[in-house]
Amino acid sequence: LIVRKTGLDNYGEIFRQFVTEPLGMDSTSYDCPVLKSTSEKPHMSWGLCSTAHDMAKMVQMLANKGMTQDGKQVLTPFHVQQIFSHGGGVAVNDGPYIFGLLPSLIVSRCYARLFTPEELGVDSPYLLKSTGTSFPLNSIEGYGLGTMFVMGNRGELFVHAARTGGFWVVAPGRFSAYIGWMNGELNGMTQYAYHLMGDLLNALEESSTFKISKKNVLEDNMEEPELCGGHDMYIDWWSKMGITSIKEIVGLPECSDGRRRTQTTRIHPDAEFIKEMWSRNTSPE
């Protein structure tokens, strides 16, 4: 349908003319021999060859309402909003256990709900060092057109956490980031890398200053949004646990040769228990 509307008969050429060329993505193409993809017969999901430097330009455009940094409109604001909206169909695209049997993806500090072992109906071999330990099951609150919805420190974030290509995040009107990596297997190191994105997102959020209008009867005040919505709207899990970094929960992984890295960050007493819960893929009743 897209090809017919443009009058062109080559999807790769359409992609170049309307997306990569306006964005200056000179190293991005569907002509990708290693993936057996060509512009004439592209592999739509896995057939695009690109670089982290190029992909960052795509993410910048999404954060800028579909425009390039020099003002070229690549996507309309409506189409960007569609990407950042719930998908249709019958797919389960919200809730704390959105991806079923996939391991927990914990990349944020604010949550609408935390869970206890009793709620999940499981016992742990680890003796809890503190009472009332509760933990999130997933940072992903919803899923749109290839976009995951995460509750940020001071507003909603849109992210995509991929094994192949990297991790990107957009805070509309505030910031965007792209971290390139490649890991074909969903293993412990991949999961650890995902968790460390929590520290990165927290740093980006705390470095991004902006104000919103708060009107009252007498005057219009501009104030910075409060952490996790303020007024106990959402739960700041980091503060509840008394941590300042996700590394205090996940620790450091072993080196490829089995050696242990030097741990300089303190580890929370309940870290092993929480990591076990995340690895169990246990769904609430």
Protein backbone atom coordinates (compact mmCIF):
# COMPACT_ATOMS: atom_id res chain seq x y z
CA LEU A 1 0.00 0.00 0.00
CA ILE A 2 2.84 2.40 0.86
CA VAL A 3 4.60 1.55 -2.39
CA ARG A 4 1.47 2.21 -4.45
CA LYS A 5 0.85 5.62 -2.87
CA THR A 6 4.37 6.83 -3.60
CA GLY A 7 4.37 5.61 -7.18
CA LEU A 8 7.68 3.83 -6.56
CA ASP A 9 8.14 0.07 -6.83
CA ASN A 10 11.15 -0.35 -4.58
CA TYR A 11 10.63 -0.33 -0.82
CA GLY A 12 14.29 0.31 -0.12
CA GLU A 13 14.21 3.38 -2.34
CA ILE A 14 11.07 4.62 -0.55
CA PHE A 15 12.76 4.14 2.80
CA ARG A 16 15.83 6.01 1.60
CA GLN A 17 13.92 8.89 0.01
CA PHE A 18 11.41 9.52 2.81
CA VAL A 19 13.27 8.40 5.96
CA THR A 20 17.02 7.86 5.89
CA GLU A 21 17.98 10.68 3.50
CA PRO A 22 16.06 13.44 5.36
CA LEU A 23 17.51 12.17 8.64
CA GLY A 24 21.06 11.94 7.31
CA MET A 25 21.21 8.19 8.02
CA ASP A 26 23.86 7.56 5.38
CA SER A 27 24.91 4.14 6.74
CA THR A 28 21.39 2.64 6.86
CA SER A 29 19.98 0.46 4.08
CA TYR A 30 17.85 -2.59 3.34
CA ASP A 31 20.62 -3.74 1.01
CA CYS A 32 22.12 -5.98 3.67
CA PRO A 33 23.81 -9.12 2.25
CA VAL A 34 24.61 -10.67 5.62
CA LEU A 35 20.86 -10.81 6.34
CA LYS A 36 19.93 -11.76 2.76
CA SER A 37 17.90 -8.57 2.41
CA THR A 38 17.72 -6.26 -0.60
CA SER A 39 15.88 -3.04 -1.38
CA GLU A 40 13.76 -4.92 -3.91
CA LYS A 41 12.98 -7.78 -1.51
CA PRO A 42 13.63 -6.48 2.00
CA HIS A 43 13.36 -8.53 5.14
CA MET A 44 11.12 -6.06 6.97
CA SER A 45 11.88 -7.12 10.55
CA TRP A 46 15.56 -8.10 10.46
CA GLY A 47 16.84 -6.91 7.09
CA LEU A 48 18.00 -3.39 7.90
CA CYS A 49 21.73 -2.72 8.23
CA SER A 50 22.54 0.38 10.25
CA THR A 51 24.77 1.85 12.94
CA ALA A 52 24.13 3.17 16.45
CA HIS A 53 25.08 6.66 15.23
CA ASP A 54 22.42 6.50 12.52
CA MET A 55 19.73 5.00 14.76
CA ALA A 56 20.22 7.81 17.27
CA LYS A 57 19.03 10.23 14.57
CA MET A 58 15.80 8.25 14.24
CA VAL A 59 15.24 8.45 18.00
CA GLN A 60 15.93 12.20 18.01
CA MET A 61 13.28 12.63 15.35
CA LEU A 62 10.69 10.75 17.43
CA ALA A 63 11.50 12.95 20.44
CA ASN A 64 11.10 16.06 18.28
CA LYS A 65 7.51 15.39 17.13
CA GLY A 66 8.64 13.81 13.87
CA MET A 67 11.05 16.56 12.83
CA THR A 68 14.79 16.52 12.23
CA GLN A 69 17.04 18.87 14.19
CA ASP A 70 17.02 21.33 11.27
CA GLY A 71 13.23 21.38 10.99
CA LYS A 72 12.44 18.81 8.26
CA GLN A 73 9.15 16.99 8.93
CA VAL A 74 9.76 13.24 8.43
CA LEU A 75 6.72 11.94 10.32
CA THR A 76 3.64 13.92 11.28
CA PRO A 77 3.01 14.45 15.00
CA PHE A 78 -0.06 12.25 14.58
CA HIS A 79 2.02 9.33 13.31
CA VAL A 80 4.52 9.73 16.15
CA GLN A 81 1.61 9.66 18.58
CA GLN A 82 0.38 6.47 16.93
CA ILE A 83 3.76 4.85 17.59
CA PHE A 84 3.48 5.92 21.22
CA SER A 85 -0.07 4.57 21.63
CA HIS A 86 -1.48 1.16 22.46
CA GLY A 87 -1.65 -1.22 19.52
CA GLY A 88 -4.95 -2.70 18.39
CA GLY A 89 -6.05 -6.30 18.05
CA VAL A 90 -6.33 -8.86 20.83
CA ALA A 91 -2.73 -8.71 22.10
CA VAL A 92 -2.23 -8.28 25.84
CA ASN A 93 -0.48 -4.92 25.89
CA ASP A 94 -0.65 -3.65 29.45
CA GLY A 95 -0.28 -4.75 33.06
CA PRO A 96 2.69 -5.76 35.24
CA TYR A 97 3.11 -9.13 33.55
CA ILE A 98 2.75 -7.93 30.00
CA PHE A 99 5.24 -10.29 28.32
CA GLY A 100 4.18 -13.55 29.96
CA LEU A 101 7.13 -15.89 30.39
CA LEU A 102 9.84 -13.38 29.52
CA PRO A 103 12.10 -12.41 32.46
CA SER A 104 11.30 -9.23 34.35
CA LEU A 105 12.54 -6.04 32.74
CA ILE A 106 13.31 -3.58 35.54
CA VAL A 107 14.54 -0.24 34.16
CA SER A 108 12.73 2.37 36.28
CA ARG A 109 12.21 3.45 39.89
CA CYS A 110 8.51 4.47 39.87
CA TYR A 111 5.72 1.88 39.89
CA ALA A 112 1.95 1.77 40.21
CA ARG A 113 2.11 -1.45 42.23
CA LEU A 114 4.60 -3.64 44.07
CA PHE A 115 4.16 -7.32 44.95
CA THR A 116 4.99 -9.44 47.98
CA PRO A 117 5.94 -13.16 48.01
CA GLU A 118 2.60 -13.94 49.62
CA GLU A 119 0.70 -12.33 46.75
CA LEU A 120 2.61 -14.48 44.28
CA GLY A 121 2.11 -17.63 46.35
CA VAL A 122 5.79 -18.59 46.43
CA ASP A 123 8.34 -19.40 49.10
CA SER A 124 12.00 -18.43 48.93
CA PRO A 125 15.03 -20.25 50.36
CA TYR A 126 16.50 -16.85 51.22
CA LEU A 127 15.83 -15.48 54.68
CA LEU A 128 14.62 -11.91 54.33
CA LYS A 129 16.76 -9.48 56.27
CA SER A 130 13.95 -6.92 56.46
CA THR A 131 10.20 -7.15 56.86
CA GLY A 132 7.59 -6.22 54.32
CA THR A 133 9.84 -6.64 51.29
CA SER A 134 7.95 -5.87 48.09
CA PHE A 135 9.19 -5.56 44.55
CA PRO A 136 8.02 -4.76 41.00
CA LEU A 137 7.43 -7.44 38.41
CA ASN A 138 8.05 -5.28 35.37
CA SER A 139 8.80 -1.69 34.42
CA ILE A 140 6.79 -2.06 31.22
CA GLU A 141 3.28 -0.72 31.81
CA GLY A 142 2.07 -1.00 28.23
CA TYR A 143 3.09 -1.73 24.66
CA GLY A 144 2.35 0.11 21.43
CA LEU A 145 3.70 -0.15 17.89
CA GLY A 146 7.09 -1.57 18.82
CA THR A 147 7.26 0.84 21.76
CA MET A 148 7.27 -0.01 25.46
CA PHE A 149 5.66 2.38 27.95
CA VAL A 150 7.66 3.01 31.13
CA MET A 151 6.72 5.18 34.09
CA GLY A 152 9.56 7.68 34.33
CA ASN A 153 10.64 9.73 37.33
CA ARG A 154 8.64 12.74 36.18
CA GLY A 155 6.61 11.62 33.21
CA GLU A 156 6.00 8.75 30.83
CA LEU A 157 8.92 7.32 28.87
CA PHE A 158 8.77 5.42 25.60
CA VAL A 159 11.48 2.81 25.12
CA HIS A 160 12.45 -0.21 23.09
CA ALA A 161 14.74 -2.79 24.66
CA ALA A 162 16.14 -5.05 21.96
CA ARG A 163 18.66 -7.86 22.06
CA THR A 164 19.81 -6.94 18.56
CA GLY A 165 20.58 -3.30 17.85
CA GLY A 166 20.28 -1.61 21.18
CA PHE A 167 18.11 0.22 23.66
CA TRP A 168 16.43 3.53 22.94
CA VAL A 169 14.34 5.91 25.03
CA VAL A 170 12.25 8.97 24.22
CA ALA A 171 10.92 11.48 26.75
CA PRO A 172 8.83 13.65 24.40
CA GLY A 173 9.95 17.27 24.38
CA ARG A 174 12.73 16.54 26.91
CA PHE A 175 15.41 14.08 25.81
CA SER A 176 16.20 10.97 23.82
CA ALA A 177 19.00 8.42 23.91
CA TYR A 178 20.20 5.42 21.94
CA ILE A 179 22.58 2.80 23.34
CA GLY A 180 23.87 0.37 20.73
CA TRP A 181 24.68 -3.26 21.54
CA MET A 182 24.45 -6.73 20.06
CA ASN A 183 23.56 -9.87 21.97
CA GLY A 184 21.80 -12.67 20.12
CA GLU A 185 20.95 -14.67 23.24
CA LEU A 186 18.61 -13.76 26.10
CA ASN A 187 21.05 -14.72 28.84
CA GLY A 188 22.20 -13.41 32.21
CA MET A 189 24.53 -10.80 30.74
CA THR A 190 21.74 -9.44 28.50
CA GLN A 191 19.38 -9.25 31.46
CA TYR A 192 22.05 -7.49 33.51
CA ALA A 193 22.57 -4.93 30.73
CA TYR A 194 18.82 -4.29 30.64
CA HIS A 195 18.74 -3.67 34.40
CA LEU A 196 21.63 -1.20 34.19
CA MET A 197 19.47 0.89 31.88
CA GLY A 198 17.60 1.77 35.08
CA ASP A 199 20.61 3.73 36.31
CA LEU A 200 20.98 5.41 32.92
CA LEU A 201 17.31 6.43 32.76
CA ASN A 202 17.46 7.74 36.31
CA ALA A 203 20.52 9.86 35.45
CA LEU A 204 18.84 11.23 32.31
CA GLU A 205 15.66 12.01 34.22
CA GLU A 206 17.47 13.81 37.01
CA SER A 207 19.51 15.83 34.49
CA SER A 208 16.40 16.88 32.55
CA THR A 209 14.89 19.97 34.13
CA PHE A 210 11.53 21.28 32.99
CA LYS A 211 8.49 22.94 34.51
CA ILE A 212 4.76 22.50 34.13
CA SER A 213 1.91 24.87 34.79
CA LYS A 214 0.05 24.45 38.08
CA LYS A 215 -2.91 26.80 38.22
CA ASN A 216 -4.76 27.85 41.32
CA VAL A 217 -7.42 30.45 41.95
CA LEU A 218 -5.04 33.39 42.24
CA GLU A 219 -2.07 32.69 40.01
CA ASP A 220 -0.42 30.38 37.49
CA ASN A 221 2.76 28.82 38.89
CA MET A 222 5.43 27.00 36.91
CA GLU A 223 6.88 24.14 38.94
CA GLU A 224 9.00 21.05 38.32
CA PRO A 225 6.98 17.81 38.44
CA GLU A 226 7.40 15.85 41.64
CA LEU A 227 9.16 12.49 41.71
CA CYS A 228 6.79 9.62 40.84
CA GLY A 229 3.88 12.04 40.58
CA GLY A 230 4.10 13.26 44.17
CA HIS A 231 1.43 12.92 46.85
CA ASP A 232 1.91 9.13 46.89
CA MET A 233 0.50 8.87 43.37
CA TYR A 234 3.06 6.19 42.45
CA ILE A 235 5.65 4.27 44.44
CA ASP A 236 9.31 5.27 44.41
CA TRP A 237 10.70 1.74 44.81
CA TRP A 238 14.31 2.92 45.11
CA SER A 239 13.48 5.11 48.10
CA LYS A 240 11.35 2.38 49.63
CA MET A 241 14.31 -0.03 49.40
CA GLY A 242 16.83 2.62 50.45
CA ILE A 243 18.93 2.24 47.29
CA THR A 244 20.45 4.80 44.93
CA SER A 245 21.40 2.40 42.10
CA ILE A 246 19.94 -0.75 40.60
CA LYS A 247 23.41 -2.28 41.02
CA GLU A 248 22.59 -2.56 44.73
CA ILE A 249 20.06 -5.23 43.69
CA VAL A 250 21.60 -6.91 40.63
CA GLY A 251 25.27 -6.71 41.71
CA LEU A 252 27.95 -7.47 39.13
CA PRO A 253 27.99 -10.50 36.80
CA GLU A 254 30.87 -12.94 36.46
CA CYS A 255 33.50 -12.38 33.78
CA SER A 256 33.45 -14.69 30.77
CA ASP A 257 36.26 -16.77 32.29
CA GLY A 258 34.35 -17.22 35.55
CA ARG A 259 36.26 -14.66 37.61
CA ARG A 260 34.32 -12.32 39.89
CA ARG A 261 34.49 -8.57 39.39
CA THR A 262 35.42 -6.34 42.31
CA GLN A 263 32.17 -5.24 43.93
CA THR A 264 32.38 -1.68 45.22
CA THR A 265 28.64 -0.99 45.40
CA ARG A 266 26.89 -2.21 48.53
CA ILE A 267 24.38 -5.01 48.01
CA HIS A 268 20.95 -4.80 49.57
CA PRO A 269 20.24 -7.60 52.10
CA ASP A 270 17.23 -8.82 50.08
CA ALA A 271 18.97 -8.67 46.68
CA GLU A 272 19.28 -12.44 46.17
CA PHE A 273 15.64 -12.96 47.07
CA ILE A 274 14.44 -10.25 44.69
CA LYS A 275 16.58 -11.53 41.82
CA GLU A 276 15.18 -15.00 42.40
CA MET A 277 11.63 -13.63 42.14
CA TRP A 278 12.49 -11.86 38.89
CA SER A 279 13.94 -15.07 37.43
CA ARG A 280 10.95 -17.25 38.35
CA ASN A 281 8.60 -15.62 35.82
CA THR A 282 5.85 -15.95 38.43
CA SER A 283 2.56 -14.32 37.52
CA PRO A 284 0.17 -12.96 40.15
CA GLU A 285 -3.06 -14.89 40.52
